[in-house]
Amino acid sequence: MNRYEGMFLVDNTTVNNDWDNLVGHIQGILTKHNSENIETQKWGERKLAYKIGEHVHGTYILVRFDAPNIAVSAMRKEFELSDKIIRLLILRDDGNLSMISTPPFDEEGKNENEAPVTDAKAEEGSEVAENAAPVSEPDSGDKPDEGVEAEAESKEEEVTA
């Protein structure tokens, strides 16, 4: 048996009305395919980046479980056919999935793990500002207007000669 993490996007009205039934539905599919539920976390309601069907908001649920390799594809198909689940993602946990062990958003929907965005030019002594190449002005011969004028003058001299 391998350890898996499943991220489920479900309809938030279903979650608000009957949380226990929804968790029972997910766990029922897991046990039907000889898997063992370890942990279920509700990650909260979020506004979706784009509309999925008639859904504008959804609730994310993270489920950790142990399952045999051959059962995952049948389990995934059954989850996709469920009318309670909008989207899902199941990944095998080889010990590298620790980055999704806690919800990435706080109560206000802000990312807690995200570093603040700063302007590298404004920070004196920053590595990016120190290693940046200086911006130089092009040479006077590189300007397109002068080359065009010189070419036009030479053509005028040829015509008058």
N, C-alpha and C. Protein backbone atom coordinates (compact mmCIF):
# COMPACT_ATOMS: atom_id res chain seq x y z
N MET A 1 0.84 -1.17 0.00
CA MET A 1 0.00 0.00 0.00
C MET A 1 0.89 1.24 0.00
N ASN A 2 0.47 2.22 -0.76
CA ASN A 2 1.18 3.49 -0.85
C ASN A 2 0.35 4.59 -0.21
N ARG A 3 1.02 5.64 0.22
CA ARG A 3 0.35 6.79 0.80
C ARG A 3 0.01 7.78 -0.31
N TYR A 4 -1.21 8.31 -0.29
CA TYR A 4 -1.69 9.26 -1.28
C TYR A 4 -2.30 10.47 -0.60
N GLU A 5 -2.32 11.57 -1.33
CA GLU A 5 -3.03 12.76 -0.90
C GLU A 5 -4.00 13.13 -2.01
N GLY A 6 -5.24 13.33 -1.64
CA GLY A 6 -6.26 13.73 -2.60
C GLY A 6 -6.79 15.11 -2.24
N MET A 7 -6.78 16.01 -3.22
CA MET A 7 -7.35 17.34 -3.04
C MET A 7 -8.66 17.37 -3.81
N PHE A 8 -9.75 17.64 -3.09
CA PHE A 8 -11.08 17.63 -3.69
C PHE A 8 -11.66 19.03 -3.63
N LEU A 9 -12.19 19.48 -4.75
CA LEU A 9 -12.94 20.73 -4.81
C LEU A 9 -14.40 20.33 -4.87
N VAL A 10 -15.15 20.76 -3.86
CA VAL A 10 -16.56 20.36 -3.76
C VAL A 10 -17.43 21.61 -3.70
N ASP A 11 -18.71 21.40 -4.00
CA ASP A 11 -19.68 22.48 -3.95
C ASP A 11 -19.84 22.95 -2.51
N ASN A 12 -19.68 24.25 -2.29
CA ASN A 12 -19.71 24.76 -0.91
C ASN A 12 -21.10 24.68 -0.28
N THR A 13 -22.16 24.69 -1.07
CA THR A 13 -23.49 24.53 -0.46
C THR A 13 -23.67 23.13 0.08
N THR A 14 -23.10 22.14 -0.59
CA THR A 14 -23.15 20.76 -0.09
C THR A 14 -22.38 20.65 1.22
N VAL A 15 -21.22 21.30 1.28
CA VAL A 15 -20.41 21.26 2.50
C VAL A 15 -21.14 21.94 3.65
N ASN A 16 -21.72 23.10 3.40
CA ASN A 16 -22.41 23.85 4.46
C ASN A 16 -23.66 23.12 4.95
N ASN A 17 -24.37 22.45 4.05
CA ASN A 17 -25.60 21.78 4.44
C ASN A 17 -25.37 20.43 5.09
N ASP A 18 -24.40 19.66 4.58
CA ASP A 18 -24.24 18.29 5.08
C ASP A 18 -22.78 17.84 5.00
N TRP A 19 -21.95 18.37 5.88
CA TRP A 19 -20.53 18.04 5.91
C TRP A 19 -20.30 16.56 6.18
N ASP A 20 -20.99 16.01 7.15
CA ASP A 20 -20.79 14.61 7.53
C ASP A 20 -21.13 13.66 6.38
N ASN A 21 -22.18 13.95 5.64
CA ASN A 21 -22.56 13.11 4.51
C ASN A 21 -21.51 13.18 3.40
N LEU A 22 -20.95 14.36 3.16
CA LEU A 22 -19.92 14.51 2.13
C LEU A 22 -18.65 13.75 2.50
N VAL A 23 -18.20 13.89 3.73
CA VAL A 23 -17.01 13.16 4.19
C VAL A 23 -17.29 11.65 4.14
N GLY A 24 -18.50 11.25 4.52
CA GLY A 24 -18.87 9.84 4.45
C GLY A 24 -18.86 9.33 3.01
N HIS A 25 -19.28 10.17 2.08
CA HIS A 25 -19.27 9.81 0.65
C HIS A 25 -17.84 9.56 0.18
N ILE A 26 -16.93 10.47 0.51
CA ILE A 26 -15.52 10.33 0.11
C ILE A 26 -14.90 9.10 0.77
N GLN A 27 -15.13 8.93 2.07
CA GLN A 27 -14.57 7.78 2.78
C GLN A 27 -15.18 6.46 2.30
N GLY A 28 -16.45 6.50 1.88
CA GLY A 28 -17.09 5.30 1.35
C GLY A 28 -16.43 4.83 0.06
N ILE A 29 -16.09 5.77 -0.81
CA ILE A 29 -15.39 5.41 -2.04
C ILE A 29 -13.99 4.87 -1.72
N LEU A 30 -13.33 5.48 -0.75
CA LEU A 30 -12.00 5.01 -0.36
C LEU A 30 -12.05 3.58 0.18
N THR A 31 -12.97 3.31 1.09
CA THR A 31 -13.05 1.97 1.68
C THR A 31 -13.53 0.94 0.66
N LYS A 32 -14.35 1.34 -0.28
CA LYS A 32 -14.81 0.43 -1.33
C LYS A 32 -13.64 -0.11 -2.15
N HIS A 33 -12.59 0.70 -2.28
CA HIS A 33 -11.41 0.31 -3.05
C HIS A 33 -10.24 -0.12 -2.15
N ASN A 34 -10.57 -0.64 -0.98
CA ASN A 34 -9.59 -1.22 -0.05
C ASN A 34 -8.52 -0.23 0.39
N SER A 35 -8.91 1.00 0.61
CA SER A 35 -7.95 1.98 1.11
C SER A 35 -8.33 2.40 2.52
N GLU A 36 -7.37 2.98 3.20
CA GLU A 36 -7.56 3.36 4.60
C GLU A 36 -7.38 4.87 4.73
N ASN A 37 -8.41 5.54 5.22
CA ASN A 37 -8.36 6.99 5.41
C ASN A 37 -7.51 7.32 6.62
N ILE A 38 -6.59 8.25 6.47
CA ILE A 38 -5.71 8.64 7.57
C ILE A 38 -6.16 9.98 8.15
N GLU A 39 -6.42 10.94 7.27
CA GLU A 39 -6.73 12.29 7.74
C GLU A 39 -7.60 13.00 6.71
N THR A 40 -8.53 13.81 7.19
CA THR A 40 -9.36 14.65 6.33
C THR A 40 -9.33 16.07 6.88
N GLN A 41 -8.96 17.03 6.03
CA GLN A 41 -8.89 18.43 6.44
C GLN A 41 -9.76 19.27 5.53
N LYS A 42 -10.52 20.15 6.13
CA LYS A 42 -11.29 21.13 5.36
C LYS A 42 -10.42 22.36 5.21
N TRP A 43 -10.13 22.75 3.97
CA TRP A 43 -9.27 23.90 3.71
C TRP A 43 -10.05 25.18 3.55
N GLY A 44 -11.32 25.12 3.48
CA GLY A 44 -12.13 26.33 3.45
C GLY A 44 -12.66 26.68 2.07
N GLU A 45 -13.57 27.63 2.07
CA GLU A 45 -14.23 28.08 0.85
C GLU A 45 -13.40 29.16 0.18
N ARG A 46 -13.28 29.06 -1.13
CA ARG A 46 -12.55 30.05 -1.92
C ARG A 46 -13.35 30.40 -3.17
N LYS A 47 -13.15 31.61 -3.65
CA LYS A 47 -13.71 32.01 -4.93
C LYS A 47 -12.84 31.40 -6.01
N LEU A 48 -13.46 30.77 -6.99
CA LEU A 48 -12.71 30.11 -8.05
C LEU A 48 -12.16 31.14 -9.04
N ALA A 49 -11.04 30.82 -9.65
CA ALA A 49 -10.42 31.72 -10.62
C ALA A 49 -11.30 31.87 -11.86
N TYR A 50 -12.02 30.83 -12.19
CA TYR A 50 -12.95 30.86 -13.31
C TYR A 50 -14.15 29.99 -12.97
N LYS A 51 -15.24 30.23 -13.63
CA LYS A 51 -16.48 29.52 -13.36
C LYS A 51 -16.37 28.08 -13.88
N ILE A 52 -16.73 27.11 -13.04
CA ILE A 52 -16.75 25.71 -13.43
C ILE A 52 -18.21 25.28 -13.40
N GLY A 53 -18.80 25.09 -14.56
CA GLY A 53 -20.23 24.81 -14.62
C GLY A 53 -20.97 26.02 -14.09
N GLU A 54 -21.79 25.79 -13.06
CA GLU A 54 -22.47 26.92 -12.42
C GLU A 54 -21.78 27.35 -11.13
N HIS A 55 -20.63 26.77 -10.83
CA HIS A 55 -19.92 27.02 -9.57
C HIS A 55 -18.98 28.21 -9.69
N VAL A 56 -19.14 29.17 -8.78
CA VAL A 56 -18.25 30.33 -8.70
C VAL A 56 -17.38 30.21 -7.45
N HIS A 57 -17.89 29.55 -6.41
CA HIS A 57 -17.16 29.29 -5.17
C HIS A 57 -17.08 27.78 -4.96
N GLY A 58 -16.06 27.37 -4.24
CA GLY A 58 -15.90 25.96 -3.92
C GLY A 58 -15.17 25.79 -2.61
N THR A 59 -15.26 24.61 -2.04
CA THR A 59 -14.57 24.29 -0.80
C THR A 59 -13.54 23.21 -1.09
N TYR A 60 -12.32 23.40 -0.61
CA TYR A 60 -11.24 22.44 -0.81
C TYR A 60 -11.16 21.51 0.39
N ILE A 61 -10.99 20.23 0.11
CA ILE A 61 -10.85 19.21 1.14
C ILE A 61 -9.60 18.39 0.81
N LEU A 62 -8.71 18.25 1.78
CA LEU A 62 -7.50 17.44 1.62
C LEU A 62 -7.70 16.14 2.37
N VAL A 63 -7.47 15.01 1.69
CA VAL A 63 -7.63 13.70 2.31
C VAL A 63 -6.34 12.92 2.10
N ARG A 64 -5.78 12.43 3.19
CA ARG A 64 -4.60 11.54 3.13
C ARG A 64 -5.09 10.12 3.36
N PHE A 65 -4.61 9.20 2.52
CA PHE A 65 -5.05 7.82 2.65
C PHE A 65 -4.00 6.86 2.12
N ASP A 66 -4.08 5.63 2.56
CA ASP A 66 -3.24 4.54 2.06
C ASP A 66 -4.11 3.69 1.15
N ALA A 67 -3.55 3.32 -0.01
CA ALA A 67 -4.32 2.54 -0.97
C ALA A 67 -3.38 1.69 -1.82
N PRO A 68 -3.87 0.57 -2.32
CA PRO A 68 -3.07 -0.21 -3.27
C PRO A 68 -2.95 0.53 -4.60
N ASN A 69 -1.84 0.33 -5.28
CA ASN A 69 -1.58 1.02 -6.54
C ASN A 69 -2.68 0.81 -7.57
N ILE A 70 -3.16 -0.41 -7.69
CA ILE A 70 -4.12 -0.72 -8.75
C ILE A 70 -5.50 -0.12 -8.49
N ALA A 71 -5.78 0.28 -7.27
CA ALA A 71 -7.10 0.80 -6.93
C ALA A 71 -7.26 2.28 -7.24
N VAL A 72 -6.18 2.99 -7.44
CA VAL A 72 -6.25 4.45 -7.56
C VAL A 72 -6.97 4.88 -8.83
N SER A 73 -6.72 4.23 -9.95
CA SER A 73 -7.38 4.65 -11.20
C SER A 73 -8.89 4.41 -11.13
N ALA A 74 -9.32 3.29 -10.56
CA ALA A 74 -10.76 3.03 -10.40
C ALA A 74 -11.38 4.00 -9.41
N MET A 75 -10.64 4.31 -8.37
CA MET A 75 -11.11 5.26 -7.37
C MET A 75 -11.26 6.66 -7.98
N ARG A 76 -10.26 7.08 -8.77
CA ARG A 76 -10.31 8.38 -9.43
C ARG A 76 -11.52 8.48 -10.37
N LYS A 77 -11.78 7.41 -11.10
CA LYS A 77 -12.92 7.42 -12.02
C LYS A 77 -14.24 7.56 -11.26
N GLU A 78 -14.35 6.88 -10.13
CA GLU A 78 -15.58 6.97 -9.34
C GLU A 78 -15.75 8.36 -8.72
N PHE A 79 -14.65 8.97 -8.29
CA PHE A 79 -14.71 10.34 -7.77
C PHE A 79 -15.14 11.31 -8.87
N GLU A 80 -14.63 11.12 -10.09
CA GLU A 80 -14.99 12.01 -11.20
C GLU A 80 -16.46 11.89 -11.58
N LEU A 81 -17.05 10.72 -11.39
CA LEU A 81 -18.46 10.51 -11.71
C LEU A 81 -19.39 11.03 -10.61
N SER A 82 -18.84 11.32 -9.46
CA SER A 82 -19.66 11.81 -8.35
C SER A 82 -20.17 13.21 -8.64
N ASP A 83 -21.44 13.45 -8.33
CA ASP A 83 -22.01 14.78 -8.55
C ASP A 83 -21.67 15.75 -7.42
N LYS A 84 -21.07 15.27 -6.34
CA LYS A 84 -20.71 16.12 -5.21
C LYS A 84 -19.32 16.73 -5.36
N ILE A 85 -18.51 16.16 -6.23
CA ILE A 85 -17.12 16.60 -6.38
C ILE A 85 -16.98 17.31 -7.72
N ILE A 86 -16.46 18.55 -7.67
CA ILE A 86 -16.30 19.35 -8.88
C ILE A 86 -15.00 18.97 -9.60
N ARG A 87 -13.89 18.97 -8.87
CA ARG A 87 -12.58 18.62 -9.41
C ARG A 87 -11.82 17.84 -8.35
N LEU A 88 -10.79 17.08 -8.79
CA LEU A 88 -9.96 16.37 -7.83
C LEU A 88 -8.56 16.20 -8.37
N LEU A 89 -7.64 15.99 -7.46
CA LEU A 89 -6.25 15.71 -7.79
C LEU A 89 -5.75 14.71 -6.76
N ILE A 90 -5.24 13.57 -7.22
CA ILE A 90 -4.69 12.56 -6.32
C ILE A 90 -3.22 12.38 -6.67
N LEU A 91 -2.36 12.54 -5.66
CA LEU A 91 -0.92 12.40 -5.83
C LEU A 91 -0.39 11.37 -4.87
N ARG A 92 0.60 10.59 -5.31
CA ARG A 92 1.26 9.64 -4.41
C ARG A 92 2.26 10.40 -3.57
N ASP A 93 2.23 10.17 -2.27
CA ASP A 93 3.11 10.86 -1.34
C ASP A 93 4.34 10.02 -1.08
N ASP A 94 5.46 10.42 -1.67
CA ASP A 94 6.73 9.76 -1.43
C ASP A 94 7.52 10.46 -0.34
N GLY A 95 6.85 11.29 0.44
CA GLY A 95 7.51 12.06 1.48
C GLY A 95 7.87 13.45 1.00
N ASN A 96 7.55 13.79 -0.25
CA ASN A 96 7.89 15.10 -0.80
C ASN A 96 6.70 16.04 -0.85
N LEU A 97 5.56 15.63 -0.33
CA LEU A 97 4.37 16.46 -0.41
C LEU A 97 4.15 17.28 0.86
N SER A 98 5.20 17.52 1.61
CA SER A 98 5.05 18.26 2.86
C SER A 98 4.63 19.70 2.64
N MET A 99 4.80 20.22 1.41
CA MET A 99 4.44 21.61 1.14
C MET A 99 2.94 21.83 1.18
N ILE A 100 2.14 20.78 1.08
CA ILE A 100 0.70 20.96 1.15
C ILE A 100 0.12 20.36 2.41
N SER A 101 0.92 20.32 3.47
CA SER A 101 0.44 19.74 4.71
C SER A 101 -0.47 20.68 5.49
N THR A 102 -0.36 21.97 5.24
CA THR A 102 -1.23 22.93 5.92
C THR A 102 -1.89 23.81 4.87
N PRO A 103 -3.04 24.34 5.18
CA PRO A 103 -3.71 25.21 4.21
C PRO A 103 -2.85 26.41 3.87
N PRO A 104 -2.74 26.75 2.58
CA PRO A 104 -1.86 27.84 2.18
C PRO A 104 -2.45 29.21 2.41
N PHE A 105 -3.70 29.32 2.83
CA PHE A 105 -4.34 30.61 2.98
C PHE A 105 -4.82 30.81 4.40
N ASP A 106 -4.79 32.05 4.85
CA ASP A 106 -5.35 32.36 6.16
C ASP A 106 -6.84 32.65 6.00
N GLU A 107 -7.48 33.09 7.05
CA GLU A 107 -8.93 33.32 7.03
C GLU A 107 -9.36 34.36 6.01
N GLU A 108 -8.49 35.34 5.70
CA GLU A 108 -8.83 36.41 4.76
C GLU A 108 -8.49 36.03 3.32
N GLY A 109 -7.95 34.82 3.11
CA GLY A 109 -7.62 34.40 1.75
C GLY A 109 -6.24 34.83 1.30
N LYS A 110 -5.38 35.31 2.22
CA LYS A 110 -4.04 35.74 1.85
C LYS A 110 -3.09 34.56 2.03
N ASN A 111 -2.10 34.49 1.17
CA ASN A 111 -1.13 33.42 1.22
C ASN A 111 -0.14 33.70 2.34
N GLU A 112 -0.07 32.81 3.32
CA GLU A 112 0.82 33.02 4.47
C GLU A 112 2.27 32.73 4.13
N ASN A 113 2.52 31.84 3.15
CA ASN A 113 3.88 31.43 2.83
C ASN A 113 4.53 32.30 1.77
N GLU A 114 3.81 33.23 1.20
CA GLU A 114 4.31 34.05 0.13
C GLU A 114 5.16 35.18 0.67
N ALA A 115 6.33 35.37 0.09
CA ALA A 115 7.20 36.46 0.51
C ALA A 115 6.67 37.77 -0.07
N PRO A 116 6.85 38.88 0.65
CA PRO A 116 6.37 40.15 0.11
C PRO A 116 7.15 40.54 -1.14
N VAL A 117 6.47 41.13 -2.07
CA VAL A 117 7.09 41.56 -3.32
C VAL A 117 7.75 42.90 -3.09
N THR A 118 9.03 43.00 -3.47
CA THR A 118 9.75 44.25 -3.30
C THR A 118 10.42 44.62 -4.60
N ASP A 119 10.75 45.88 -4.74
CA ASP A 119 11.43 46.36 -5.92
C ASP A 119 12.93 46.24 -5.68
N ALA A 120 13.63 45.48 -6.52
CA ALA A 120 15.05 45.23 -6.32
C ALA A 120 15.87 46.51 -6.46
N LYS A 121 15.44 47.43 -7.31
CA LYS A 121 16.18 48.67 -7.49
C LYS A 121 16.09 49.55 -6.26
N ALA A 122 14.99 49.46 -5.54
CA ALA A 122 14.79 50.30 -4.37
C ALA A 122 15.63 49.83 -3.19
N GLU A 123 15.95 48.55 -3.16
CA GLU A 123 16.72 48.02 -2.03
C GLU A 123 18.21 48.18 -2.32
N GLU A 124 18.86 49.03 -1.58
CA GLU A 124 20.29 49.17 -1.75
C GLU A 124 20.96 47.98 -1.11
N GLY A 125 21.99 47.49 -1.78
CA GLY A 125 22.72 46.36 -1.23
C GLY A 125 22.09 45.03 -1.54
N SER A 126 20.97 45.00 -2.25
CA SER A 126 20.39 43.70 -2.58
C SER A 126 21.23 43.06 -3.67
N GLU A 127 21.23 41.76 -3.70
CA GLU A 127 22.06 41.02 -4.64
C GLU A 127 21.65 41.32 -6.08
N VAL A 128 20.38 41.44 -6.33
CA VAL A 128 19.90 41.72 -7.68
C VAL A 128 20.36 43.10 -8.12
N ALA A 129 20.24 44.11 -7.23
CA ALA A 129 20.63 45.47 -7.59
C ALA A 129 22.13 45.58 -7.80
N GLU A 130 22.95 44.85 -7.03
CA GLU A 130 24.39 44.92 -7.15
C GLU A 130 24.88 44.26 -8.43
N ASN A 131 24.25 43.18 -8.84
CA ASN A 131 24.70 42.42 -10.00
C ASN A 131 24.05 42.87 -11.30
N ALA A 132 23.19 43.85 -11.26
CA ALA A 132 22.50 44.30 -12.46
C ALA A 132 23.47 45.05 -13.37
N ALA A 133 23.36 44.80 -14.68
CA ALA A 133 24.21 45.48 -15.64
C ALA A 133 23.73 46.92 -15.81
N PRO A 134 24.66 47.86 -15.93
CA PRO A 134 24.24 49.26 -16.10
C PRO A 134 23.59 49.45 -17.47
N VAL A 135 22.64 50.33 -17.51
CA VAL A 135 21.95 50.64 -18.75
C VAL A 135 22.71 51.77 -19.42
N SER A 136 23.10 51.59 -20.69
CA SER A 136 23.85 52.63 -21.39
C SER A 136 23.04 53.16 -22.56
N GLU A 137 23.31 54.40 -22.91
CA GLU A 137 22.64 55.02 -24.05
C GLU A 137 23.29 54.51 -25.33
N PRO A 138 22.53 54.35 -26.40
CA PRO A 138 23.13 53.91 -27.66
C PRO A 138 24.06 54.98 -28.22
N ASP A 139 25.07 54.56 -28.99
CA ASP A 139 25.98 55.50 -29.64
C ASP A 139 25.21 56.34 -30.64
N SER A 140 25.77 57.51 -30.97
CA SER A 140 25.07 58.41 -31.90
C SER A 140 24.92 57.79 -33.28
N GLY A 141 25.82 56.88 -33.67
CA GLY A 141 25.73 56.23 -34.97
C GLY A 141 24.63 55.18 -35.01
N ASP A 142 24.14 54.76 -33.86
CA ASP A 142 23.12 53.74 -33.80
C ASP A 142 21.72 54.29 -33.99
N LYS A 143 21.58 55.61 -34.01
CA LYS A 143 20.26 56.19 -34.12
C LYS A 143 19.75 56.01 -35.54
N PRO A 144 18.54 55.55 -35.72
CA PRO A 144 18.05 55.28 -37.07
C PRO A 144 17.85 56.53 -37.91
N ASP A 145 17.55 57.67 -37.30
CA ASP A 145 17.28 58.89 -38.06
C ASP A 145 18.52 59.37 -38.81
N GLU A 146 19.71 59.31 -38.18
CA GLU A 146 20.92 59.80 -38.81
C GLU A 146 21.30 58.95 -40.01
N GLY A 147 21.14 57.64 -39.91
CA GLY A 147 21.45 56.76 -41.03
C GLY A 147 20.54 57.01 -42.20
N VAL A 148 19.28 57.29 -41.96
CA VAL A 148 18.32 57.56 -43.02
C VAL A 148 18.64 58.87 -43.70
N GLU A 149 19.01 59.91 -42.91
CA GLU A 149 19.35 61.21 -43.49
C GLU A 149 20.58 61.12 -44.36
N ALA A 150 21.61 60.39 -43.91
CA ALA A 150 22.84 60.26 -44.69
C ALA A 150 22.58 59.53 -46.00
N GLU A 151 21.75 58.53 -45.97
CA GLU A 151 21.43 57.78 -47.18
C GLU A 151 20.65 58.65 -48.16
N ALA A 152 19.73 59.45 -47.63
CA ALA A 152 18.95 60.34 -48.50
C ALA A 152 19.85 61.39 -49.16
N GLU A 153 20.83 61.94 -48.43
CA GLU A 153 21.75 62.94 -48.99
C GLU A 153 22.58 62.34 -50.11
N SER A 154 23.05 61.10 -49.93
CA SER A 154 23.88 60.47 -50.95
C SER A 154 23.07 60.21 -52.21
N LYS A 155 21.81 59.90 -52.10
CA LYS A 155 20.98 59.66 -53.27
C LYS A 155 20.71 60.98 -54.02
N GLU A 156 20.57 62.08 -53.28
CA GLU A 156 20.37 63.37 -53.91
C GLU A 156 21.57 63.78 -54.73
N GLU A 157 22.79 63.51 -54.21
CA GLU A 157 24.01 63.86 -54.91
C GLU A 157 24.12 63.05 -56.20
N GLU A 158 23.71 61.78 -56.19
CA GLU A 158 23.78 60.95 -57.38
C GLU A 158 22.83 61.45 -58.45
N VAL A 159 21.64 61.91 -58.06
CA VAL A 159 20.64 62.37 -59.00
C VAL A 159 21.08 63.68 -59.65
N THR A 160 21.70 64.60 -58.89
CA THR A 160 22.10 65.89 -59.45
C THR A 160 23.35 65.77 -60.29
N ALA A 161 24.13 64.77 -60.15
CA ALA A 161 25.38 64.65 -60.90
C ALA A 161 25.21 64.17 -62.29
